[in-house]
């Protein structure tokens, strides 16, 4: 039996610190882990109902417990260092440590330069790039003590093609900042056996945020569960063996032997829309 065999195929007993886990992809990843009996730290900003988007950290906690996991809802703005530090301390106190960090929280504005207010620019940089760096930094001492520790960024493959920057340069910079963290941290953390990878959807995903955008082709999207299943495949693997990679959900699942993806489609009759950066 290999060193890490006892962790393969389950997240039972593992503690996952997931940013932005009150809804969407973050919640889907949490629920998939909860089915194994994992401990989930819901590190998100929504403590009271959002006027347009469903779900709070407390409703997410209820769903996670119903799915078989343990949950710790923590109201945290990941732009605020003290809030992140307190959330990490609360997580370690509740569950005895942190095994996995999922940097999922993100802000988006697909606007050209002249139409991107600096307040929005700062929000995207603060949540996407800075928030990812901050959460990883604060979780690092716990990850270094964990067995098979991993960090997963929900961020795109690094591709410096101008076509990914021209239409929305601010968002691209902020999102690629998360991916640059993967590139650097995978190398930095390699001596400690911490796997650091990026996961991105091949198609658009039917999150609540997408559904409130007027005219968004939700019927041509896939459900968040495809990202959750792909994340599960990565996180149940050996962090030492897979690190510094930029993965697509469909590719990960094909590697695991899946060939039929129709169940993930919102409408299997519709042609899927490829996501940005793919």
C-alpha atoms as a PDB file:
ATOM      1  CA  UNK A   1       0.000   0.000   0.000  1.00  0.00           C
ATOM      2  CA  UNK A   2       1.384   3.404  -1.016  1.00  0.00           C
ATOM      3  CA  UNK A   3       1.872   6.263   1.392  1.00  0.00           C
ATOM      4  CA  UNK A   4      -1.291   8.033   0.291  1.00  0.00           C
ATOM      5  CA  UNK A   5      -3.512   5.060  -0.569  1.00  0.00           C
ATOM      6  CA  UNK A   6      -5.642   5.512   2.514  1.00  0.00           C
ATOM      7  CA  UNK A   7      -6.821   8.934   1.242  1.00  0.00           C
ATOM      8  CA  UNK A   8      -7.669   7.884  -2.287  1.00  0.00           C
ATOM      9  CA  UNK A   9     -11.302   7.921  -3.296  1.00  0.00           C
ATOM     10  CA  UNK A  10     -12.752   9.794  -0.355  1.00  0.00           C
ATOM     11  CA  UNK A  11     -12.672  13.110   1.453  1.00  0.00           C
ATOM     12  CA  UNK A  12     -14.083  11.614   4.651  1.00  0.00           C
ATOM     13  CA  UNK A  13     -12.779  13.462   7.672  1.00  0.00           C
ATOM     14  CA  UNK A  14     -10.958  16.034   5.544  1.00  0.00           C
ATOM     15  CA  UNK A  15     -11.443  19.726   6.285  1.00  0.00           C
ATOM     16  CA  UNK A  16     -12.034  21.935   3.244  1.00  0.00           C
ATOM     17  CA  UNK A  17     -11.861  25.724   3.495  1.00  0.00           C
ATOM     18  CA  UNK A  18     -13.907  26.928   0.497  1.00  0.00           C
ATOM     19  CA  UNK A  19     -14.235  30.603  -0.381  1.00  0.00           C
ATOM     20  CA  UNK A  20     -17.478  31.729  -1.982  1.00  0.00           C
ATOM     21  CA  UNK A  21     -19.189  28.492  -0.964  1.00  0.00           C
ATOM     22  CA  UNK A  22     -22.637  29.948  -0.287  1.00  0.00           C
ATOM     23  CA  UNK A  23     -23.771  29.217  -3.857  1.00  0.00           C
ATOM     24  CA  UNK A  24     -22.695  28.140  -7.328  1.00  0.00           C
ATOM     25  CA  UNK A  25     -19.553  26.157  -8.018  1.00  0.00           C
ATOM     26  CA  UNK A  26     -18.238  26.621  -4.481  1.00  0.00           C
ATOM     27  CA  UNK A  27     -21.390  25.152  -2.951  1.00  0.00           C
ATOM     28  CA  UNK A  28     -21.429  22.296  -5.469  1.00  0.00           C
ATOM     29  CA  UNK A  29     -17.848  21.364  -4.518  1.00  0.00           C
ATOM     30  CA  UNK A  30     -18.819  21.559  -0.849  1.00  0.00           C
ATOM     31  CA  UNK A  31     -21.828  19.289  -1.319  1.00  0.00           C
ATOM     32  CA  UNK A  32     -19.796  16.702  -3.231  1.00  0.00           C
ATOM     33  CA  UNK A  33     -17.246  16.607  -0.406  1.00  0.00           C
ATOM     34  CA  UNK A  34     -20.033  16.502   2.184  1.00  0.00           C
ATOM     35  CA  UNK A  35     -21.340  13.275   0.650  1.00  0.00           C
ATOM     36  CA  UNK A  36     -18.035  11.707   1.721  1.00  0.00           C
ATOM     37  CA  UNK A  37     -18.418  13.029   5.251  1.00  0.00           C
ATOM     38  CA  UNK A  38     -16.017  15.962   4.936  1.00  0.00           C
ATOM     39  CA  UNK A  39     -15.837  19.057   7.126  1.00  0.00           C
ATOM     40  CA  UNK A  40     -16.635  22.216   5.170  1.00  0.00           C
ATOM     41  CA  UNK A  41     -15.710  25.763   6.130  1.00  0.00           C
ATOM     42  CA  UNK A  42     -18.047  28.068   4.212  1.00  0.00           C
ATOM     43  CA  UNK A  43     -15.975  31.242   3.929  1.00  0.00           C
ATOM     44  CA  UNK A  44     -18.248  33.672   2.130  1.00  0.00           C
ATOM     45  CA  UNK A  45     -19.636  37.169   2.408  1.00  0.00           C
ATOM     46  CA  UNK A  46     -23.368  36.456   2.158  1.00  0.00           C
ATOM     47  CA  UNK A  47     -24.692  36.205   5.720  1.00  0.00           C
ATOM     48  CA  UNK A  48     -28.053  37.798   4.905  1.00  0.00           C
ATOM     49  CA  UNK A  49     -30.112  37.050   1.782  1.00  0.00           C
ATOM     50  CA  UNK A  50     -28.903  38.752  -1.403  1.00  0.00           C
ATOM     51  CA  UNK A  51     -31.598  40.691  -3.270  1.00  0.00           C
ATOM     52  CA  UNK A  52     -30.916  38.851  -6.553  1.00  0.00           C
ATOM     53  CA  UNK A  53     -28.936  35.715  -5.716  1.00  0.00           C
ATOM     54  CA  UNK A  54     -30.175  32.768  -3.628  1.00  0.00           C
ATOM     55  CA  UNK A  55     -28.261  31.297  -0.717  1.00  0.00           C
ATOM     56  CA  UNK A  56     -26.377  32.419   2.370  1.00  0.00           C
ATOM     57  CA  UNK A  57     -23.602  30.818   4.388  1.00  0.00           C
ATOM     58  CA  UNK A  58     -26.303  29.480   6.712  1.00  0.00           C
ATOM     59  CA  UNK A  59     -28.508  27.902   4.024  1.00  0.00           C
ATOM     60  CA  UNK A  60     -25.335  26.394   2.529  1.00  0.00           C
ATOM     61  CA  UNK A  61     -24.475  24.929   5.935  1.00  0.00           C
ATOM     62  CA  UNK A  62     -27.926  23.330   6.148  1.00  0.00           C
ATOM     63  CA  UNK A  63     -27.469  21.723   2.712  1.00  0.00           C
ATOM     64  CA  UNK A  64     -23.983  20.474   3.584  1.00  0.00           C
ATOM     65  CA  UNK A  65     -25.185  18.867   6.818  1.00  0.00           C
ATOM     66  CA  UNK A  66     -28.122  17.279   5.009  1.00  0.00           C
ATOM     67  CA  UNK A  67     -25.667  15.815   2.486  1.00  0.00           C
ATOM     68  CA  UNK A  68     -23.671  14.142   5.267  1.00  0.00           C
ATOM     69  CA  UNK A  69     -20.935  16.637   6.046  1.00  0.00           C
ATOM     70  CA  UNK A  70     -20.083  18.927   8.923  1.00  0.00           C
ATOM     71  CA  UNK A  71     -20.292  22.658   8.287  1.00  0.00           C
ATOM     72  CA  UNK A  72     -18.870  25.838   9.741  1.00  0.00           C
ATOM     73  CA  UNK A  73     -20.386  28.976   8.197  1.00  0.00           C
ATOM     74  CA  UNK A  74     -18.063  31.967   8.568  1.00  0.00           C
ATOM     75  CA  UNK A  75     -18.993  35.421   7.270  1.00  0.00           C
ATOM     76  CA  UNK A  76     -15.816  36.719   5.706  1.00  0.00           C
ATOM     77  CA  UNK A  77     -14.827  39.301   3.108  1.00  0.00           C
ATOM     78  CA  UNK A  78     -11.652  37.777   1.694  1.00  0.00           C
ATOM     79  CA  UNK A  79     -10.314  41.256   0.923  1.00  0.00           C
ATOM     80  CA  UNK A  80      -9.971  41.848   4.676  1.00  0.00           C
ATOM     81  CA  UNK A  81      -6.860  40.315   6.224  1.00  0.00           C
ATOM     82  CA  UNK A  82      -8.176  40.204   9.778  1.00  0.00           C
ATOM     83  CA  UNK A  83     -11.426  38.563   8.689  1.00  0.00           C
ATOM     84  CA  UNK A  84      -9.551  35.869   6.772  1.00  0.00           C
ATOM     85  CA  UNK A  85      -7.187  35.262   9.682  1.00  0.00           C
ATOM     86  CA  UNK A  86     -10.115  34.935  12.079  1.00  0.00           C
ATOM     87  CA  UNK A  87     -11.926  32.542   9.713  1.00  0.00           C
ATOM     88  CA  UNK A  88      -8.866  30.331   9.416  1.00  0.00           C
ATOM     89  CA  UNK A  89      -8.418  30.291  13.190  1.00  0.00           C
ATOM     90  CA  UNK A  90     -12.097  29.412  13.652  1.00  0.00           C
ATOM     91  CA  UNK A  91     -11.759  26.579  11.134  1.00  0.00           C
ATOM     92  CA  UNK A  92      -8.705  25.131  12.857  1.00  0.00           C
ATOM     93  CA  UNK A  93     -10.359  25.419  16.267  1.00  0.00           C
ATOM     94  CA  UNK A  94     -13.537  23.694  15.059  1.00  0.00           C
ATOM     95  CA  UNK A  95     -12.028  20.891  13.011  1.00  0.00           C
ATOM     96  CA  UNK A  96      -8.433  20.616  14.224  1.00  0.00           C
ATOM     97  CA  UNK A  97      -6.758  21.874  11.076  1.00  0.00           C
ATOM     98  CA  UNK A  98      -7.222  22.516   7.343  1.00  0.00           C
ATOM     99  CA  UNK A  99      -6.423  19.885   4.709  1.00  0.00           C
ATOM    100  CA  UNK A 100      -7.674  21.556   1.535  1.00  0.00           C
ATOM    101  CA  UNK A 101      -8.177  25.138   0.395  1.00  0.00           C
ATOM    102  CA  UNK A 102     -10.468  25.881  -2.543  1.00  0.00           C
ATOM    103  CA  UNK A 103     -10.034  29.439  -3.799  1.00  0.00           C
ATOM    104  CA  UNK A 104     -13.359  29.796  -5.561  1.00  0.00           C
ATOM    105  CA  UNK A 105     -14.576  33.313  -4.666  1.00  0.00           C
ATOM    106  CA  UNK A 106     -14.458  35.647  -7.632  1.00  0.00           C
ATOM    107  CA  UNK A 107     -15.777  38.943  -8.983  1.00  0.00           C
ATOM    108  CA  UNK A 108     -16.451  39.551 -12.666  1.00  0.00           C
ATOM    109  CA  UNK A 109     -17.030  42.489 -14.983  1.00  0.00           C
ATOM    110  CA  UNK A 110     -16.597  41.795 -18.696  1.00  0.00           C
ATOM    111  CA  UNK A 111     -16.098  45.461 -19.537  1.00  0.00           C
ATOM    112  CA  UNK A 112     -13.576  47.295 -21.705  1.00  0.00           C
ATOM    113  CA  UNK A 113     -11.096  49.718 -20.205  1.00  0.00           C
ATOM    114  CA  UNK A 114     -13.141  52.909 -20.577  1.00  0.00           C
ATOM    115  CA  UNK A 115     -16.209  51.272 -19.042  1.00  0.00           C
ATOM    116  CA  UNK A 116     -14.539  49.682 -16.012  1.00  0.00           C
ATOM    117  CA  UNK A 117     -14.856  51.916 -12.931  1.00  0.00           C
ATOM    118  CA  UNK A 118     -11.772  51.755 -10.733  1.00  0.00           C
ATOM    119  CA  UNK A 119     -13.998  50.639  -7.870  1.00  0.00           C
ATOM    120  CA  UNK A 120     -14.892  47.568  -9.923  1.00  0.00           C
ATOM    121  CA  UNK A 121     -11.259  47.062 -10.949  1.00  0.00           C
ATOM    122  CA  UNK A 122     -10.230  47.135  -7.292  1.00  0.00           C
ATOM    123  CA  UNK A 123     -13.024  44.706  -6.376  1.00  0.00           C
ATOM    124  CA  UNK A 124     -11.872  42.152  -8.960  1.00  0.00           C
ATOM    125  CA  UNK A 125      -8.216  42.482  -8.029  1.00  0.00           C
ATOM    126  CA  UNK A 126      -9.062  42.413  -4.320  1.00  0.00           C
ATOM    127  CA  UNK A 127     -11.187  39.275  -4.460  1.00  0.00           C
ATOM    128  CA  UNK A 128      -9.647  37.309  -7.315  1.00  0.00           C
ATOM    129  CA  UNK A 129      -5.904  37.863  -7.085  1.00  0.00           C
ATOM    130  CA  UNK A 130      -5.323  39.368  -3.645  1.00  0.00           C
ATOM    131  CA  UNK A 131      -7.998  37.255  -1.953  1.00  0.00           C
ATOM    132  CA  UNK A 132      -6.534  34.064  -3.395  1.00  0.00           C
ATOM    133  CA  UNK A 133      -3.054  35.029  -2.238  1.00  0.00           C
ATOM    134  CA  UNK A 134      -4.281  36.056   1.218  1.00  0.00           C
ATOM    135  CA  UNK A 135      -6.367  32.953   1.879  1.00  0.00           C
ATOM    136  CA  UNK A 136      -3.537  30.693   0.766  1.00  0.00           C
ATOM    137  CA  UNK A 137      -1.046  32.572   2.916  1.00  0.00           C
ATOM    138  CA  UNK A 138      -3.252  32.295   6.008  1.00  0.00           C
ATOM    139  CA  UNK A 139      -4.062  28.593   5.455  1.00  0.00           C
ATOM    140  CA  UNK A 140      -0.450  27.663   4.706  1.00  0.00           C
ATOM    141  CA  UNK A 141       0.669  26.839   8.284  1.00  0.00           C
ATOM    142  CA  UNK A 142      -2.240  24.392   8.615  1.00  0.00           C
ATOM    143  CA  UNK A 143      -1.703  22.918   5.148  1.00  0.00           C
ATOM    144  CA  UNK A 144       1.940  22.245   5.976  1.00  0.00           C
ATOM    145  CA  UNK A 145       0.818  20.095   8.914  1.00  0.00           C
ATOM    146  CA  UNK A 146      -1.881  18.249   6.960  1.00  0.00           C
ATOM    147  CA  UNK A 147      -1.722  14.848   5.326  1.00  0.00           C
ATOM    148  CA  UNK A 148      -1.923  15.149   1.530  1.00  0.00           C
ATOM    149  CA  UNK A 149      -2.646  18.916   1.567  1.00  0.00           C
ATOM    150  CA  UNK A 150      -3.992  20.601  -1.548  1.00  0.00           C
ATOM    151  CA  UNK A 151      -4.906  24.033  -2.866  1.00  0.00           C
ATOM    152  CA  UNK A 152      -7.309  24.323  -5.788  1.00  0.00           C
ATOM    153  CA  UNK A 153      -7.929  27.584  -7.641  1.00  0.00           C
ATOM    154  CA  UNK A 154     -11.034  27.981  -9.779  1.00  0.00           C
ATOM    155  CA  UNK A 155      -9.084  29.835 -12.422  1.00  0.00           C
ATOM    156  CA  UNK A 156      -8.229  29.477 -16.107  1.00  0.00           C
ATOM    157  CA  UNK A 157      -5.300  27.992 -17.986  1.00  0.00           C
ATOM    158  CA  UNK A 158      -2.522  30.502 -18.542  1.00  0.00           C
ATOM    159  CA  UNK A 159      -2.762  31.639 -22.162  1.00  0.00           C
ATOM    160  CA  UNK A 160      -1.386  35.065 -22.996  1.00  0.00           C
ATOM    161  CA  UNK A 161      -3.285  35.334 -26.259  1.00  0.00           C
ATOM    162  CA  UNK A 162      -4.398  38.965 -26.834  1.00  0.00           C
ATOM    163  CA  UNK A 163      -7.940  37.763 -27.590  1.00  0.00           C
ATOM    164  CA  UNK A 164      -8.437  36.917 -23.920  1.00  0.00           C
ATOM    165  CA  UNK A 165      -7.376  40.386 -22.816  1.00  0.00           C
ATOM    166  CA  UNK A 166      -8.648  42.840 -25.409  1.00  0.00           C
ATOM    167  CA  UNK A 167     -12.392  42.681 -24.602  1.00  0.00           C
ATOM    168  CA  UNK A 168     -12.060  42.765 -20.777  1.00  0.00           C
ATOM    169  CA  UNK A 169      -8.504  43.484 -19.744  1.00  0.00           C
ATOM    170  CA  UNK A 170      -9.285  44.203 -16.066  1.00  0.00           C
ATOM    171  CA  UNK A 171     -11.123  40.924 -15.474  1.00  0.00           C
ATOM    172  CA  UNK A 172      -8.481  38.936 -17.352  1.00  0.00           C
ATOM    173  CA  UNK A 173      -5.672  40.429 -15.280  1.00  0.00           C
ATOM    174  CA  UNK A 174      -7.526  39.673 -12.044  1.00  0.00           C
ATOM    175  CA  UNK A 175      -8.447  36.125 -13.040  1.00  0.00           C
ATOM    176  CA  UNK A 176      -5.037  35.280 -14.465  1.00  0.00           C
ATOM    177  CA  UNK A 177      -3.591  36.539 -11.197  1.00  0.00           C
ATOM    178  CA  UNK A 178      -5.177  33.502  -9.552  1.00  0.00           C
ATOM    179  CA  UNK A 179      -3.551  31.248 -12.138  1.00  0.00           C
ATOM    180  CA  UNK A 180      -0.176  32.902 -11.625  1.00  0.00           C
ATOM    181  CA  UNK A 181      -0.540  32.002  -7.945  1.00  0.00           C
ATOM    182  CA  UNK A 182      -0.857  28.369  -9.053  1.00  0.00           C
ATOM    183  CA  UNK A 183       2.293  28.638 -11.141  1.00  0.00           C
ATOM    184  CA  UNK A 184       4.333  30.150  -8.333  1.00  0.00           C
ATOM    185  CA  UNK A 185       2.896  28.428  -5.292  1.00  0.00           C
ATOM    186  CA  UNK A 186       3.081  24.948  -6.814  1.00  0.00           C
ATOM    187  CA  UNK A 187       6.823  25.424  -7.099  1.00  0.00           C
ATOM    188  CA  UNK A 188       7.194  27.169  -3.745  1.00  0.00           C
ATOM    189  CA  UNK A 189       5.161  24.576  -1.851  1.00  0.00           C
ATOM    190  CA  UNK A 190       6.614  21.525  -3.620  1.00  0.00           C
ATOM    191  CA  UNK A 191       9.074  20.697  -0.796  1.00  0.00           C
ATOM    192  CA  UNK A 192       6.129  20.449   1.618  1.00  0.00           C
ATOM    193  CA  UNK A 193       4.124  18.101  -0.607  1.00  0.00           C
ATOM    194  CA  UNK A 194       1.284  20.600  -1.088  1.00  0.00           C
ATOM    195  CA  UNK A 195      -0.489  20.113  -4.412  1.00  0.00           C
ATOM    196  CA  UNK A 196      -1.523  23.392  -6.048  1.00  0.00           C
ATOM    197  CA  UNK A 197      -3.640  23.250  -9.190  1.00  0.00           C
ATOM    198  CA  UNK A 198      -6.166  25.228 -11.211  1.00  0.00           C
ATOM    199  CA  UNK A 199      -9.531  23.923 -12.405  1.00  0.00           C
ATOM    200  CA  UNK A 200     -11.661  25.618 -15.042  1.00  0.00           C
ATOM    201  CA  UNK A 201     -14.855  24.642 -16.889  1.00  0.00           C
ATOM    202  CA  UNK A 202     -14.689  23.848 -20.587  1.00  0.00           C
ATOM    203  CA  UNK A 203     -18.200  25.263 -21.012  1.00  0.00           C
ATOM    204  CA  UNK A 204     -20.118  28.010 -19.291  1.00  0.00           C
ATOM    205  CA  UNK A 205     -21.695  26.924 -16.015  1.00  0.00           C
ATOM    206  CA  UNK A 206     -25.313  27.629 -15.022  1.00  0.00           C
ATOM    207  CA  UNK A 207     -24.655  29.350 -11.721  1.00  0.00           C
ATOM    208  CA  UNK A 208     -27.160  31.656 -10.074  1.00  0.00           C
ATOM    209  CA  UNK A 209     -24.955  34.589 -11.089  1.00  0.00           C
ATOM    210  CA  UNK A 210     -25.206  33.604 -14.762  1.00  0.00           C
ATOM    211  CA  UNK A 211     -28.956  33.174 -14.569  1.00  0.00           C
ATOM    212  CA  UNK A 212     -29.558  36.766 -13.466  1.00  0.00           C
ATOM    213  CA  UNK A 213     -27.641  38.190 -16.448  1.00  0.00           C
ATOM    214  CA  UNK A 214     -30.185  39.291 -19.090  1.00  0.00           C
ATOM    215  CA  UNK A 215     -29.846  37.230 -22.246  1.00  0.00           C
ATOM    216  CA  UNK A 216     -27.299  34.792 -20.814  1.00  0.00           C
ATOM    217  CA  UNK A 217     -27.513  31.447 -22.694  1.00  0.00           C
ATOM    218  CA  UNK A 218     -28.225  29.385 -19.583  1.00  0.00           C
ATOM    219  CA  UNK A 219     -29.843  26.622 -21.636  1.00  0.00           C
ATOM    220  CA  UNK A 220     -26.484  26.105 -23.390  1.00  0.00           C
ATOM    221  CA  UNK A 221     -24.549  25.693 -20.134  1.00  0.00           C
ATOM    222  CA  UNK A 222     -23.617  22.805 -17.887  1.00  0.00           C
ATOM    223  CA  UNK A 223     -24.591  22.416 -14.246  1.00  0.00           C
ATOM    224  CA  UNK A 224     -22.107  23.237 -11.450  1.00  0.00           C
ATOM    225  CA  UNK A 225     -21.954  19.542 -10.551  1.00  0.00           C
ATOM    226  CA  UNK A 226     -19.471  18.887 -13.363  1.00  0.00           C
ATOM    227  CA  UNK A 227     -16.975  21.179 -11.649  1.00  0.00           C
ATOM    228  CA  UNK A 228     -17.715  19.535  -8.304  1.00  0.00           C
ATOM    229  CA  UNK A 229     -17.077  16.044  -9.647  1.00  0.00           C
ATOM    230  CA  UNK A 230     -13.865  17.163 -11.358  1.00  0.00           C
ATOM    231  CA  UNK A 231     -12.673  18.907  -8.190  1.00  0.00           C
ATOM    232  CA  UNK A 232     -13.399  15.725  -6.227  1.00  0.00           C
ATOM    233  CA  UNK A 233     -11.225  13.735  -8.625  1.00  0.00           C
ATOM    234  CA  UNK A 234      -8.332  16.143  -8.145  1.00  0.00           C
ATOM    235  CA  UNK A 235      -8.685  16.477  -4.386  1.00  0.00           C
ATOM    236  CA  UNK A 236      -8.887  12.744  -3.708  1.00  0.00           C
ATOM    237  CA  UNK A 237      -5.648  12.243  -5.609  1.00  0.00           C
ATOM    238  CA  UNK A 238      -2.095  12.625  -4.368  1.00  0.00           C
ATOM    239  CA  UNK A 239      -1.012  16.257  -4.091  1.00  0.00           C
ATOM    240  CA  UNK A 240       2.659  15.373  -4.466  1.00  0.00           C
ATOM    241  CA  UNK A 241       1.969  13.662  -7.775  1.00  0.00           C
ATOM    242  CA  UNK A 242      -0.221  16.326  -9.363  1.00  0.00           C
ATOM    243  CA  UNK A 243       0.776  19.922  -8.833  1.00  0.00           C
ATOM    244  CA  UNK A 244       1.201  23.047 -10.942  1.00  0.00           C
ATOM    245  CA  UNK A 245      -1.361  21.869 -13.497  1.00  0.00           C
ATOM    246  CA  UNK A 246      -4.080  23.852 -15.285  1.00  0.00           C
ATOM    247  CA  UNK A 247      -6.992  21.470 -15.632  1.00  0.00           C
ATOM    248  CA  UNK A 248     -10.336  21.524 -17.429  1.00  0.00           C
ATOM    249  CA  UNK A 249     -13.319  19.809 -15.799  1.00  0.00           C
ATOM    250  CA  UNK A 250     -14.144  17.618 -18.768  1.00  0.00           C
ATOM    251  CA  UNK A 251     -10.525  16.539 -19.241  1.00  0.00           C
ATOM    252  CA  UNK A 252     -10.225  15.493 -15.593  1.00  0.00           C
ATOM    253  CA  UNK A 253     -13.389  13.413 -15.806  1.00  0.00           C
ATOM    254  CA  UNK A 254     -12.332  11.805 -19.091  1.00  0.00           C
ATOM    255  CA  UNK A 255      -9.067  10.796 -17.422  1.00  0.00           C
ATOM    256  CA  UNK A 256     -11.200   9.166 -14.710  1.00  0.00           C
ATOM    257  CA  UNK A 257     -13.021   7.118 -17.357  1.00  0.00           C
ATOM    258  CA  UNK A 258     -16.157   9.177 -17.968  1.00  0.00           C
ATOM    259  CA  UNK A 259     -17.383   9.365 -21.562  1.00  0.00           C
ATOM    260  CA  UNK A 260     -21.006  10.547 -21.293  1.00  0.00           C
ATOM    261  CA  UNK A 261     -21.511  14.129 -20.088  1.00  0.00           C
ATOM    262  CA  UNK A 262     -25.152  14.617 -21.063  1.00  0.00           C
ATOM    263  CA  UNK A 263     -26.373  14.511 -17.463  1.00  0.00           C
ATOM    264  CA  UNK A 264     -24.457  17.711 -16.744  1.00  0.00           C
ATOM    265  CA  UNK A 265     -26.147  19.700 -19.521  1.00  0.00           C
ATOM    266  CA  UNK A 266     -28.941  22.097 -18.595  1.00  0.00           C
ATOM    267  CA  UNK A 267     -30.572  21.133 -21.900  1.00  0.00           C
ATOM    268  CA  UNK A 268     -28.940  18.147 -23.648  1.00  0.00           C
ATOM    269  CA  UNK A 269     -30.556  19.202 -26.925  1.00  0.00           C
ATOM    270  CA  UNK A 270     -28.668  22.496 -27.009  1.00  0.00           C
ATOM    271  CA  UNK A 271     -25.147  23.101 -28.283  1.00  0.00           C
ATOM    272  CA  UNK A 272     -22.854  24.023 -25.397  1.00  0.00           C
ATOM    273  CA  UNK A 273     -21.113  27.401 -25.159  1.00  0.00           C
ATOM    274  CA  UNK A 274     -17.373  27.217 -24.542  1.00  0.00           C
ATOM    275  CA  UNK A 275     -16.217  29.269 -21.556  1.00  0.00           C
ATOM    276  CA  UNK A 276     -13.762  32.153 -21.613  1.00  0.00           C
ATOM    277  CA  UNK A 277     -10.037  31.351 -21.743  1.00  0.00           C
ATOM    278  CA  UNK A 278     -10.590  27.910 -23.327  1.00  0.00           C
END
